Protein backbone atom coordinates (compact mmCIF):
# COMPACT_ATOMS: atom_id res chain seq x y z
CA MET A 1 45.91 -7.34 -5.96
CA SER A 2 44.83 -10.97 -5.92
CA HIS A 3 41.82 -12.31 -7.75
CA GLU A 4 39.94 -12.79 -4.39
CA GLU A 5 40.59 -9.32 -3.44
CA SER A 6 39.52 -7.83 -6.77
CA THR A 7 36.21 -9.71 -6.62
CA GLN A 8 35.61 -8.55 -3.00
CA ALA A 9 36.17 -4.84 -3.75
CA PRO A 10 33.01 -4.33 -5.86
CA LEU A 11 31.01 -6.13 -3.23
CA VAL A 12 32.33 -3.85 -0.39
CA THR A 13 31.67 -0.81 -2.64
CA HIS A 14 28.15 -1.89 -3.13
CA LEU A 15 27.60 -2.63 0.51
CA VAL A 16 28.91 0.87 1.37
CA GLU A 17 26.58 2.40 -1.10
CA LEU A 18 23.63 0.46 0.28
CA ARG A 19 24.44 1.59 3.81
CA ASN A 20 24.77 5.17 2.75
CA ARG A 21 21.32 5.09 0.93
CA LEU A 22 19.75 3.45 3.90
CA LEU A 23 21.18 6.11 6.27
CA LYS A 24 19.85 8.81 3.94
CA SER A 25 16.44 7.32 3.90
CA VAL A 26 16.32 7.00 7.73
CA LEU A 27 17.61 10.53 8.05
CA VAL A 28 14.81 11.85 5.77
CA VAL A 29 12.18 9.96 7.78
CA LEU A 30 13.52 11.42 10.98
CA VAL A 31 13.48 14.97 9.57
CA ILE A 32 9.90 14.53 8.38
CA PHE A 33 9.00 13.13 11.81
CA SER A 34 10.66 16.12 13.58
CA GLY A 35 8.72 18.47 11.39
CA LEU A 36 5.33 16.69 12.00
CA TYR A 37 5.74 15.99 15.78
CA SER A 38 4.64 19.44 16.91
CA PHE A 39 1.34 18.80 15.12
CA ALA A 40 0.96 15.17 16.50
CA ASN A 41 -2.25 15.88 18.39
CA GLU A 42 -3.80 17.79 15.50
CA LEU A 43 -2.98 14.91 13.12
CA TYR A 44 -4.54 12.49 15.49
CA LEU A 45 -7.69 14.52 15.64
CA PHE A 46 -7.62 14.65 11.79
CA ILE A 47 -7.20 10.78 11.53
CA SER A 48 -9.93 10.16 14.04
CA GLU A 49 -12.45 12.58 12.51
CA PRO A 50 -14.27 9.81 10.50
CA LEU A 51 -15.24 8.17 13.76
CA ARG A 52 -15.65 11.19 16.03
CA ALA A 53 -18.11 12.64 13.49
CA LEU A 54 -20.38 9.70 13.88
CA LEU A 55 -20.22 9.06 17.66
CA PRO A 56 -23.45 9.46 19.45
CA GLU A 57 -23.82 12.37 21.81
CA GLY A 58 -22.06 11.80 24.96
CA SER A 59 -19.53 9.33 23.47
CA SER A 60 -15.97 9.95 22.80
CA LEU A 61 -12.50 8.32 22.25
CA ILE A 62 -10.81 7.24 25.42
CA ALA A 63 -7.43 6.20 26.58
CA THR A 64 -7.38 3.00 28.62
CA GLU A 65 -3.57 3.17 29.36
CA VAL A 66 -1.56 5.86 31.09
CA ALA A 67 0.86 6.47 28.24
CA SER A 68 -1.69 6.19 25.38
CA PRO A 69 -2.31 9.95 25.06
CA PHE A 70 1.45 10.31 24.37
CA LEU A 71 2.17 7.10 22.44
CA ALA A 72 -0.76 7.05 20.07
CA PRO A 73 -0.02 10.44 18.41
CA LEU A 74 3.65 9.58 18.42
CA LYS A 75 3.08 6.28 16.59
CA LEU A 76 0.78 8.07 14.14
CA THR A 77 3.38 10.69 13.52
CA PHE A 78 6.05 8.22 12.77
CA ALA A 79 3.80 6.18 10.49
CA LEU A 80 2.91 9.40 8.48
CA ALA A 81 6.59 10.30 8.33
CA VAL A 82 7.30 6.93 6.72
CA LEU A 83 4.36 7.37 4.25
CA VAL A 84 5.45 10.90 3.32
CA GLY A 85 9.04 9.69 2.85
CA ILE A 86 8.10 6.74 0.58
CA PRO A 87 8.97 8.64 -2.69
CA TYR A 88 12.40 9.54 -1.50
CA ILE A 89 13.02 6.02 -0.07
CA LEU A 90 11.96 4.57 -3.45
CA TYR A 91 14.19 7.00 -5.20
CA GLN A 92 17.25 5.78 -3.17
CA ALA A 93 16.31 2.23 -3.96
CA TRP A 94 16.00 3.06 -7.68
CA SER A 95 19.32 4.83 -7.61
CA PHE A 96 20.96 1.70 -6.08
CA ILE A 97 19.54 -0.78 -8.63
CA ALA A 98 19.32 1.52 -11.83
CA PRO A 99 22.99 1.04 -12.91
CA ALA A 100 22.42 -2.72 -13.24
CA LEU A 101 19.34 -2.31 -15.46
CA TYR A 102 19.27 -2.16 -19.27
CA LYS A 103 17.93 0.98 -21.04
CA GLU A 104 14.68 -0.71 -21.94
CA GLU A 105 14.14 -1.90 -18.38
CA LYS A 106 14.71 1.67 -17.10
CA THR A 107 12.17 2.87 -19.51
CA VAL A 108 9.56 0.54 -18.19
CA ALA A 109 10.64 0.74 -14.49
CA ILE A 110 10.37 4.54 -14.10
CA PRO A 111 6.68 4.78 -14.97
CA LEU A 112 5.88 1.74 -12.94
CA LEU A 113 7.66 3.26 -9.88
CA ILE A 114 5.83 6.51 -10.21
CA SER A 115 2.46 4.87 -10.69
CA SER A 116 3.03 2.53 -7.74
CA VAL A 117 3.59 5.47 -5.36
CA ILE A 118 0.54 7.35 -6.81
CA LEU A 119 -1.69 4.24 -6.54
CA PHE A 120 -0.50 3.64 -2.95
CA TYR A 121 -1.48 7.12 -1.89
CA CYS A 122 -4.77 6.68 -3.77
CA GLY A 123 -5.50 3.59 -1.77
CA ILE A 124 -4.91 5.34 1.52
CA ALA A 125 -7.04 8.30 0.41
CA PHE A 126 -9.83 5.92 -0.63
CA ALA A 127 -9.71 4.25 2.79
CA TYR A 128 -9.90 7.53 4.62
CA PHE A 129 -12.52 9.40 2.64
CA VAL A 130 -14.76 6.55 1.46
CA VAL A 131 -14.27 3.31 3.50
CA LEU A 132 -13.81 4.70 7.05
CA PRO A 133 -17.05 6.81 7.04
CA LEU A 134 -18.95 3.95 5.62
CA ILE A 135 -17.62 1.45 8.12
CA PHE A 136 -17.99 3.64 11.17
CA GLY A 137 -21.47 4.72 10.00
CA PHE A 138 -22.41 1.06 10.00
CA PHE A 139 -20.78 0.12 13.21
CA THR A 140 -22.09 2.99 15.29
CA SER A 141 -25.66 2.51 14.01
CA VAL A 142 -26.13 -1.29 14.68
CA GLY A 143 -25.12 -1.48 18.34
CA PRO A 144 -27.57 -1.54 21.27
CA GLY A 145 -28.82 1.92 22.06
CA GLU A 146 -27.94 1.41 25.74
CA VAL A 147 -24.29 0.72 25.00
CA ALA A 148 -22.07 3.83 24.79
CA VAL A 149 -19.50 3.74 22.01
CA MET A 150 -16.08 4.68 23.56
CA THR A 151 -13.19 3.44 21.52
CA ASP A 152 -9.67 3.20 22.79
CA ILE A 153 -7.33 5.62 20.86
CA ASN A 154 -4.68 3.01 20.50
CA ASN A 155 -7.16 0.31 19.12
CA TYR A 156 -8.61 2.90 16.75
CA LEU A 157 -5.15 3.86 15.43
CA ASP A 158 -4.19 0.18 14.92
CA PHE A 159 -7.41 -0.34 13.09
CA VAL A 160 -6.96 2.58 10.84
CA LEU A 161 -3.41 1.97 10.02
CA LYS A 162 -4.16 -1.61 9.18
CA LEU A 163 -6.88 -0.44 6.63
CA PHE A 164 -4.60 2.15 5.22
CA PHE A 165 -1.88 -0.52 4.52
CA ALA A 166 -4.41 -2.99 3.24
CA PHE A 167 -5.90 -0.49 0.73
CA GLY A 168 -2.54 0.97 -0.22
CA VAL A 169 -1.15 -2.47 -1.16
CA THR A 170 -4.52 -3.34 -2.77
CA PHE A 171 -4.18 -0.50 -5.14
CA GLU A 172 -0.90 -1.86 -6.50
CA ILE A 173 -2.80 -4.62 -8.20
CA PRO A 174 -2.74 -2.96 -11.58
CA VAL A 175 1.04 -2.70 -11.33
CA ALA A 176 1.49 -6.31 -10.23
CA THR A 177 -0.81 -7.55 -12.94
CA TYR A 178 1.09 -5.60 -15.66
CA LEU A 179 4.48 -6.84 -14.36
CA LEU A 180 3.22 -10.52 -14.43
CA ILE A 181 2.17 -10.03 -18.09
CA LYS A 182 5.24 -8.12 -19.00
CA ALA A 183 7.55 -10.80 -17.61
CA GLY A 184 5.82 -13.45 -19.46
CA VAL A 185 4.58 -15.30 -16.35
CA THR A 186 1.08 -15.16 -17.73
CA THR A 187 -0.94 -13.49 -20.52
CA VAL A 188 -3.97 -11.27 -20.81
CA ALA A 189 -5.95 -14.14 -22.19
CA GLY A 190 -4.92 -16.56 -19.45
CA LEU A 191 -5.89 -14.06 -16.63
CA SER A 192 -9.20 -13.35 -18.36
CA LYS A 193 -10.12 -17.02 -18.17
CA LYS A 194 -9.36 -16.98 -14.44
CA ARG A 195 -11.80 -14.06 -13.75
CA PRO A 196 -14.13 -16.15 -11.55
CA TYR A 197 -11.36 -17.34 -9.40
CA VAL A 198 -9.90 -13.81 -9.11
CA PHE A 199 -13.35 -12.50 -8.09
CA LEU A 200 -13.65 -15.14 -5.42
CA GLY A 201 -9.99 -14.54 -4.28
CA CYS A 202 -10.77 -10.88 -3.84
CA PHE A 203 -13.41 -11.58 -1.27
CA VAL A 204 -11.20 -14.13 0.43
CA VAL A 205 -8.41 -11.66 0.81
CA GLY A 206 -10.96 -8.97 1.95
CA MET A 207 -12.18 -11.36 4.56
CA LEU A 208 -8.67 -12.02 5.90
CA ILE A 209 -7.42 -8.45 6.19
CA THR A 210 -10.41 -6.48 7.04
CA PRO A 211 -12.71 -6.46 10.14
CA PRO A 212 -14.88 -9.53 10.37
CA ASP A 213 -17.97 -8.26 8.58
CA ILE A 214 -19.27 -8.58 5.09
CA PHE A 215 -19.63 -4.85 4.73
CA SER A 216 -15.91 -3.84 4.93
CA GLN A 217 -15.04 -7.12 3.13
CA THR A 218 -17.01 -6.00 0.12
CA LEU A 219 -15.56 -2.45 0.30
CA LEU A 220 -12.11 -3.99 -0.27
CA ALA A 221 -13.04 -6.82 -2.60
CA ILE A 222 -14.80 -4.75 -5.23
CA PRO A 223 -12.05 -2.24 -5.69
CA MET A 224 -9.55 -5.26 -5.90
CA TRP A 225 -11.49 -6.82 -8.72
CA LEU A 226 -11.83 -3.42 -10.62
CA LEU A 227 -8.08 -2.87 -10.17
CA PHE A 228 -7.43 -6.28 -11.62
CA GLU A 229 -9.47 -5.41 -14.60
CA LEU A 230 -7.41 -2.17 -14.97
CA GLY A 231 -4.23 -4.18 -14.86
CA LEU A 232 -5.63 -6.47 -17.62
CA LEU A 233 -6.35 -3.39 -19.68
CA ALA A 234 -2.84 -2.01 -19.11
CA GLY A 235 -1.41 -5.55 -20.00
CA ARG A 236 -3.00 -5.38 -23.41
CA SER A 237 -0.28 -2.77 -24.37
CA VAL A 238 2.36 -5.51 -23.94
CA PRO A 239 3.40 -6.88 -27.36
CA VAL A 240 2.82 -10.46 -27.99
CA GLU A 241 6.07 -12.50 -28.41
CA GLU A 242 6.83 -13.58 -32.03
CA ASP A 243 7.13 -17.23 -31.04
CA GLU A 244 3.62 -17.12 -29.61
CA GLU A 245 2.29 -15.62 -32.90
CA GLU A 246 4.03 -18.27 -34.93
CA THR A 247 2.57 -21.06 -32.60
CA GLU A 248 -0.88 -19.62 -33.14
CA ALA A 249 -0.30 -19.38 -36.91
CA SER A 250 0.94 -23.04 -37.11
CA LYS A 251 -2.23 -24.18 -35.21
CA ALA A 252 -4.38 -22.41 -37.79
């Protein structure tokens, strides 16, 4: 076997393994989707409950397109199948990259992987049980009394999924902060000095990814800031490098 062939063999092996793991992930999502599809309408009713519970008497969700009653529950079921399958998808990703990691890196990566999944689900739960009732309670109470609130089911679903994704990603801030500190990109002291900018940045991000009102912007910005503080707290467990200690000692 030539040198070129010997170098190509591991690459082909890795590509085949990657393909197999991707196929397994897709298969699991499809299996979960098949199991949930028979409950598609019930799942949509559950997701829409925060709004339906606050609609004035005589108002309801509506479908403005012919295929919406079919497509909206279908899209929701597929999104839920992906969300439910995230642990298995991440497990396949971990199994693919784990052989290339050192033992110390694996020791750190496993807790971070588990905490990332848990925090993502916590973000979605926070959005559903806390944020949505508050937002819809505000929206349905400030409109003119003569205007009937009748939201399209597709528009509602897009709105809710956007918020779920936004809060799920936002709840990853402690992990991202810890990784930045662990990688040496920044320090706890450095991030602490940037608190005012981080606080302002949270509101800017909240303005960009939430509906155009200060109410929902604040509901996202405040948790973002608190999660940043949680990441700083976790970052204090990262040992300070010896060269940094020597630098501080020489300055003294």
